[in-house]
N, C-alpha and C. Protein backbone atom coordinates (compact mmCIF):
# COMPACT_ATOMS: atom_id res chain seq x y z
N MET A 1 -16.12 -5.60 -2.36
CA MET A 1 -15.67 -4.69 -3.08
C MET A 1 -16.59 -3.85 -3.00
N LEU A 2 -15.48 -2.64 -2.86
CA LEU A 2 -16.31 -1.45 -2.65
C LEU A 2 -16.11 -0.35 -3.72
N ILE A 3 -16.64 0.27 -4.22
CA ILE A 3 -16.12 1.26 -5.13
C ILE A 3 -16.57 2.84 -5.00
N TYR A 4 -15.91 3.46 -5.15
CA TYR A 4 -15.83 4.80 -5.09
C TYR A 4 -16.02 5.90 -6.49
N ARG A 5 -16.85 6.35 -7.23
CA ARG A 5 -17.09 6.64 -8.33
C ARG A 5 -16.84 8.15 -8.30
N GLY A 6 -17.03 8.67 -9.43
CA GLY A 6 -17.01 9.78 -9.76
C GLY A 6 -15.98 11.11 -9.25
N VAL A 7 -14.69 10.74 -9.26
CA VAL A 7 -13.46 11.32 -8.90
C VAL A 7 -13.04 12.20 -9.79
N GLU A 8 -13.13 13.73 -9.77
CA GLU A 8 -12.84 14.59 -10.73
C GLU A 8 -11.68 14.14 -11.34
N ASP A 9 -10.17 13.90 -10.60
CA ASP A 9 -9.05 13.89 -11.85
C ASP A 9 -7.83 12.73 -10.89
N ILE A 10 -7.32 12.61 -11.46
CA ILE A 10 -6.14 10.96 -10.93
C ILE A 10 -5.63 11.97 -9.66
N GLU A 11 -5.21 13.15 -9.36
CA GLU A 11 -4.51 13.31 -8.29
C GLU A 11 -5.26 13.09 -7.03
N ARG A 12 -6.88 13.73 -7.23
CA ARG A 12 -7.71 13.35 -6.14
C ARG A 12 -7.91 12.12 -6.01
N ALA A 13 -7.75 11.35 -6.84
CA ALA A 13 -8.32 9.79 -6.84
C ALA A 13 -7.09 9.17 -6.16
N GLN A 14 -5.92 9.74 -6.37
CA GLN A 14 -4.19 9.10 -5.71
C GLN A 14 -4.50 9.33 -4.16
N THR A 15 -5.64 10.47 -3.98
CA THR A 15 -5.31 11.13 -2.56
C THR A 15 -6.29 10.17 -1.61
N ILE A 16 -7.51 9.89 -2.31
CA ILE A 16 -8.45 9.04 -1.63
C ILE A 16 -7.93 7.77 -1.45
N ARG A 17 -6.94 7.05 -2.19
CA ARG A 17 -6.71 5.77 -2.05
C ARG A 17 -5.75 5.87 -0.90
N ARG A 18 -4.78 6.92 -1.28
CA ARG A 18 -3.70 6.86 0.04
C ARG A 18 -4.45 7.01 1.75
N GLY A 19 -5.57 7.99 1.59
CA GLY A 19 -6.32 8.00 2.76
C GLY A 19 -7.14 6.79 3.11
N LEU A 20 -7.50 6.23 2.22
CA LEU A 20 -8.13 4.96 2.68
C LEU A 20 -7.14 3.97 3.53
N TYR A 21 -5.84 3.79 2.76
CA TYR A 21 -4.80 2.99 3.28
C TYR A 21 -4.29 3.59 4.90
N ARG A 22 -4.50 4.70 5.08
CA ARG A 22 -4.23 5.50 6.42
C ARG A 22 -5.49 4.82 7.31
N CYS A 23 -6.60 5.18 7.17
CA CYS A 23 -7.84 4.81 7.69
C CYS A 23 -7.63 3.20 8.09
N ALA A 24 -7.22 2.45 7.21
CA ALA A 24 -7.28 1.06 7.49
C ALA A 24 -6.25 1.04 8.55
N GLY A 25 -5.20 1.43 8.55
CA GLY A 25 -4.07 1.28 9.19
C GLY A 25 -4.56 1.40 10.84
N HIS A 26 -5.13 2.87 10.77
CA HIS A 26 -5.49 3.60 11.98
C HIS A 26 -7.04 2.47 12.59
N ARG A 27 -7.45 2.04 11.78
CA ARG A 27 -8.52 1.14 12.40
C ARG A 27 -8.12 -0.31 12.73
N GLY A 28 -7.17 -0.87 12.06
CA GLY A 28 -6.60 -2.19 12.46
C GLY A 28 -7.20 -3.11 11.26
N ILE A 29 -7.57 -2.82 10.10
CA ILE A 29 -7.92 -3.80 9.12
C ILE A 29 -6.69 -3.37 7.95
N THR A 30 -6.97 -4.48 7.26
CA THR A 30 -6.14 -4.33 6.05
C THR A 30 -6.83 -3.80 4.50
N MET A 31 -6.58 -3.40 3.81
CA MET A 31 -7.23 -2.57 2.28
C MET A 31 -6.35 -2.99 1.73
N GLU A 32 -6.84 -3.23 0.45
CA GLU A 32 -6.11 -3.28 -1.09
C GLU A 32 -6.80 -2.68 -2.03
N GLY A 33 -6.12 -1.58 -1.86
CA GLY A 33 -6.50 -0.48 -3.36
C GLY A 33 -5.92 -0.40 -4.52
N GLY A 34 -4.94 -1.54 -4.87
CA GLY A 34 -4.12 -1.29 -6.28
C GLY A 34 -2.93 -0.69 -6.12
N ARG A 35 -2.27 -0.57 -7.51
CA ARG A 35 -1.03 0.17 -7.41
C ARG A 35 -0.93 1.61 -7.36
N VAL A 36 -0.12 2.37 -7.77
CA VAL A 36 -0.01 4.03 -7.88
C VAL A 36 -0.34 4.20 -9.51
N ALA A 37 -0.32 3.20 -10.35
CA ALA A 37 -0.36 3.32 -11.89
C ALA A 37 -2.09 3.06 -11.98
N LEU A 38 -2.46 3.11 -12.83
CA LEU A 38 -3.95 2.97 -13.12
C LEU A 38 -4.05 1.16 -13.55
N ALA A 39 -5.40 0.85 -12.85
CA ALA A 39 -5.82 -0.29 -13.06
C ALA A 39 -6.08 -1.16 -14.47
N SER A 40 -5.22 -2.16 -15.08
CA SER A 40 -5.48 -2.50 -16.40
C SER A 40 -6.68 -3.57 -16.56
N ASP A 41 -6.44 -4.41 -15.61
CA ASP A 41 -7.84 -5.62 -15.77
C ASP A 41 -8.97 -5.15 -14.81
N ASP A 42 -10.37 -5.75 -15.27
CA ASP A 42 -11.15 -5.19 -14.72
C ASP A 42 -11.34 -5.82 -13.21
N ASP A 43 -11.21 -7.05 -12.93
CA ASP A 43 -11.47 -7.53 -11.87
C ASP A 43 -9.89 -7.24 -10.76
N GLU A 44 -9.14 -6.08 -11.43
CA GLU A 44 -7.99 -5.56 -10.54
C GLU A 44 -8.70 -4.79 -9.43
N MET A 45 -7.88 -4.24 -8.41
CA MET A 45 -8.50 -3.23 -7.73
C MET A 45 -7.51 -1.82 -7.85
N GLY A 46 -7.91 -1.00 -7.54
CA GLY A 46 -7.24 0.04 -7.96
C GLY A 46 -8.13 0.81 -8.52
N ILE A 47 -7.27 2.59 -9.37
CA ILE A 47 -8.03 3.43 -9.78
C ILE A 47 -8.07 3.35 -11.57
N ARG A 48 -9.17 3.64 -11.81
CA ARG A 48 -9.13 3.53 -13.72
C ARG A 48 -10.01 4.91 -13.95
N ARG A 49 -9.63 4.98 -15.01
CA ARG A 49 -10.32 6.19 -15.94
C ARG A 49 -11.63 5.84 -16.57
N GLU A 50 -12.81 6.28 -16.23
CA GLU A 50 -14.07 6.12 -17.23
C GLU A 50 -14.40 6.46 -18.24
N ARG A 51 -15.52 6.19 -19.09
CA ARG A 51 -15.82 7.12 -20.72
C ARG A 51 -15.87 8.52 -20.19
N ASP A 52 -16.56 8.83 -18.89
CA ASP A 52 -16.92 10.45 -18.96
C ASP A 52 -15.89 11.19 -18.39
N GLY A 53 -14.66 10.58 -18.19
CA GLY A 53 -13.48 11.28 -17.98
C GLY A 53 -13.19 11.73 -16.28
N THR A 54 -13.89 10.98 -15.58
CA THR A 54 -14.12 10.55 -14.24
C THR A 54 -13.08 9.48 -13.87
N TYR A 55 -12.93 9.44 -12.61
CA TYR A 55 -11.95 7.97 -12.11
C TYR A 55 -12.80 7.13 -11.00
N THR A 56 -12.68 6.01 -10.77
CA THR A 56 -13.51 5.25 -10.04
C THR A 56 -12.15 4.25 -9.29
N LEU A 57 -12.39 4.21 -8.11
CA LEU A 57 -11.72 3.48 -7.31
C LEU A 57 -12.07 2.58 -6.65
N LYS A 58 -11.75 1.03 -7.11
CA LYS A 58 -12.13 -0.29 -6.54
C LYS A 58 -11.42 -0.51 -5.31
N TYR A 59 -11.73 -0.73 -4.37
CA TYR A 59 -10.78 -1.52 -3.40
C TYR A 59 -11.64 -2.45 -2.50
N ARG A 60 -10.88 -3.22 -1.84
CA ARG A 60 -11.26 -4.36 -0.66
C ARG A 60 -10.71 -3.89 0.62
N VAL A 61 -11.50 -4.52 1.68
CA VAL A 61 -10.89 -4.13 3.07
C VAL A 61 -11.19 -6.04 3.99
N TRP A 62 -10.18 -6.01 4.68
CA TRP A 62 -10.61 -7.14 5.63
C TRP A 62 -10.28 -6.82 6.73
N THR A 63 -10.25 -7.93 7.90
CA THR A 63 -10.58 -7.79 8.96
C THR A 63 -8.38 -8.69 8.84
N LYS A 64 -7.45 -8.02 9.89
CA LYS A 64 -6.29 -8.63 9.78
C LYS A 64 -6.19 -10.36 10.13
N ALA A 65 -6.95 -11.07 10.47
CA ALA A 65 -7.25 -12.54 10.70
C ALA A 65 -7.69 -12.44 9.42
N GLN A 66 -8.51 -12.33 8.37
CA GLN A 66 -8.79 -12.59 7.12
C GLN A 66 -7.42 -12.39 6.21
N ALA A 67 -6.91 -11.23 6.47
CA ALA A 67 -5.49 -11.23 5.62
C ALA A 67 -4.49 -11.97 5.75
N ARG A 68 -4.31 -12.44 6.92
CA ARG A 68 -3.30 -13.47 7.19
C ARG A 68 -3.61 -14.71 6.43
N LYS A 69 -4.97 -14.91 6.89
CA LYS A 69 -5.32 -16.67 6.31
C LYS A 69 -4.92 -16.40 4.81
N ALA A 70 -5.25 -15.18 4.32
CA ALA A 70 -5.37 -15.56 2.58
C ALA A 70 -3.92 -15.48 2.13
N HIS A 71 -2.82 -14.57 2.88
CA HIS A 71 -1.52 -14.91 2.88
C HIS A 71 -0.72 -16.17 2.67
N LEU A 72 -1.00 -16.45 3.90
CA LEU A 72 -0.66 -18.04 4.39
C LEU A 72 -1.43 -19.05 3.51
N ALA A 73 -2.61 -18.90 2.77
CA ALA A 73 -2.98 -19.78 1.80
C ALA A 73 -2.15 -19.47 0.48
N LYS A 74 -1.60 -18.23 0.09
CA LYS A 74 -0.98 -17.83 -0.94
C LYS A 74 0.25 -18.05 -1.39
N TYR A 75 1.00 -17.89 0.16
CA TYR A 75 2.57 -18.04 -0.17
C TYR A 75 3.20 -18.91 0.91
N GLY A 76 2.24 -19.70 1.52
CA GLY A 76 2.67 -20.64 2.67
C GLY A 76 2.89 -20.10 3.74
N SER A 77 3.95 -20.93 4.99
CA SER A 77 4.14 -20.67 6.16
C SER A 77 5.72 -20.10 5.85
N ASP A 78 6.45 -20.45 5.14
CA ASP A 78 7.84 -20.22 5.20
C ASP A 78 8.10 -18.76 4.57
N ARG A 79 8.41 -17.85 5.70
CA ARG A 79 8.41 -16.66 5.47
C ARG A 79 9.71 -16.36 4.30
N SER A 80 10.69 -17.08 4.07
CA SER A 80 11.61 -16.55 3.37
C SER A 80 11.29 -16.67 1.81
N ALA A 81 9.70 -17.47 1.64
CA ALA A 81 9.39 -17.26 0.20
C ALA A 81 8.45 -16.23 -0.28
N TRP A 82 7.98 -15.30 1.28
CA TRP A 82 7.19 -14.46 1.08
C TRP A 82 7.92 -13.26 -0.26
N PRO A 83 7.00 -12.40 -0.59
CA PRO A 83 7.53 -11.29 -1.07
C PRO A 83 8.51 -10.13 -0.32
N TYR A 84 7.76 -10.22 0.93
CA TYR A 84 8.00 -9.23 1.93
C TYR A 84 8.10 -10.08 3.52
N ASP A 85 9.17 -10.05 3.95
CA ASP A 85 9.21 -10.94 5.42
C ASP A 85 9.49 -9.99 6.64
N PRO A 86 8.24 -9.41 7.13
CA PRO A 86 8.21 -8.86 8.28
C PRO A 86 9.06 -8.88 9.38
N ARG A 87 9.52 -9.98 9.50
CA ARG A 87 10.73 -10.36 10.80
C ARG A 87 11.89 -10.41 10.40
N ARG A 88 12.34 -10.16 9.19
CA ARG A 88 13.94 -10.45 8.49
C ARG A 88 14.67 -9.06 8.89
N PRO A 89 16.07 -9.53 9.89
CA PRO A 89 16.35 -8.13 10.09
C PRO A 89 17.01 -7.34 8.88
N ALA A 90 16.70 -5.92 9.28
CA ALA A 90 17.19 -5.02 8.17
C ALA A 90 18.59 -4.79 7.96
N THR A 91 18.92 -4.73 6.52
CA THR A 91 20.63 -4.68 6.13
C THR A 91 20.92 -3.00 6.47
N ALA A 92 22.35 -2.97 6.54
CA ALA A 92 22.86 -1.98 6.53
C ALA A 92 22.97 -0.90 5.91
N GLU A 93 22.15 -0.86 4.49
CA GLU A 93 21.58 -0.38 3.35
C GLU A 93 20.54 0.47 3.66
N GLU A 94 19.55 -0.83 4.29
CA GLU A 94 18.31 -0.02 4.82
C GLU A 94 17.89 0.99 5.93
N ARG A 95 18.78 0.59 6.93
CA ARG A 95 18.97 1.21 8.21
C ARG A 95 19.65 2.71 7.47
N GLU A 96 20.54 2.84 6.56
CA GLU A 96 21.20 4.16 6.17
C GLU A 96 20.28 4.88 5.47
N SER A 97 19.31 4.32 4.99
CA SER A 97 18.28 4.82 3.71
C SER A 97 16.91 5.34 5.14
N TRP A 98 16.80 5.07 6.02
CA TRP A 98 16.13 5.51 7.36
C TRP A 98 16.36 6.24 8.21
N SER A 99 18.04 6.60 7.92
CA SER A 99 18.63 7.66 9.34
C SER A 99 17.97 9.18 8.72
N ASN A 100 17.94 10.03 9.85
CA ASN A 100 17.60 11.40 9.68
C ASN A 100 18.76 12.34 8.40
N ARG A 101 18.43 13.25 7.84
CA ARG A 101 19.32 13.76 6.61
C ARG A 101 19.19 15.26 7.41
N ASN A 102 20.48 16.27 7.14
CA ASN A 102 20.68 17.54 7.24
C ASN A 102 20.07 18.21 5.92
N GLU A 103 20.31 19.11 5.69
CA GLU A 103 19.94 20.09 4.83
C GLU A 103 20.55 19.85 3.13
N LEU A 104 21.65 19.04 3.64
CA LEU A 104 22.46 18.79 2.29
C LEU A 104 22.31 17.33 1.73
N GLY A 105 21.46 16.59 2.62
CA GLY A 105 20.72 15.31 2.23
C GLY A 105 21.79 14.15 2.69
N GLN A 106 22.86 14.92 3.62
CA GLN A 106 23.58 13.27 4.18
C GLN A 106 23.43 12.83 5.40
N PRO A 107 23.42 11.62 5.63
CA PRO A 107 22.75 11.09 7.36
C PRO A 107 23.47 11.76 8.15
N VAL A 108 22.29 11.80 9.44
CA VAL A 108 23.17 12.44 10.53
C VAL A 108 23.10 11.41 11.51
N HIS A 109 24.38 11.07 12.12
CA HIS A 109 24.67 10.23 13.39
C HIS A 109 24.82 11.12 14.64
N HIS A 110 24.31 10.41 15.50
CA HIS A 110 24.42 11.02 16.74
C HIS A 110 25.35 10.09 17.72
N ASP A 111 26.18 10.98 18.60
CA ASP A 111 27.29 10.02 19.56
C ASP A 111 26.25 9.29 20.62
N ALA A 112 26.37 8.04 20.72
CA ALA A 112 25.62 7.18 22.09
C ALA A 112 26.51 7.53 23.18
């Protein structure tokens, strides 16, 4: 577990948390930094407010192999039982949400 202390405000703490996730992705490692909301439990990863008014970010990093092993141990090998199945085909609704949008927010469809 790593701890980033002395962050002056919540917006900066969120920016740091998102930046750490981006860096982990670029480096090919896995990071756990909590939710967007403040962490409530002492063992929970994420941002918490300290008594002096600053914020602290607790996070962990793993290699992809370590993360896969832990995920399989927790959820099993049946992907349908996972919270998110990365190999599940996208639904039409999901595909629609990814589409490019015009200035009115309407999906843009290109003729093939």
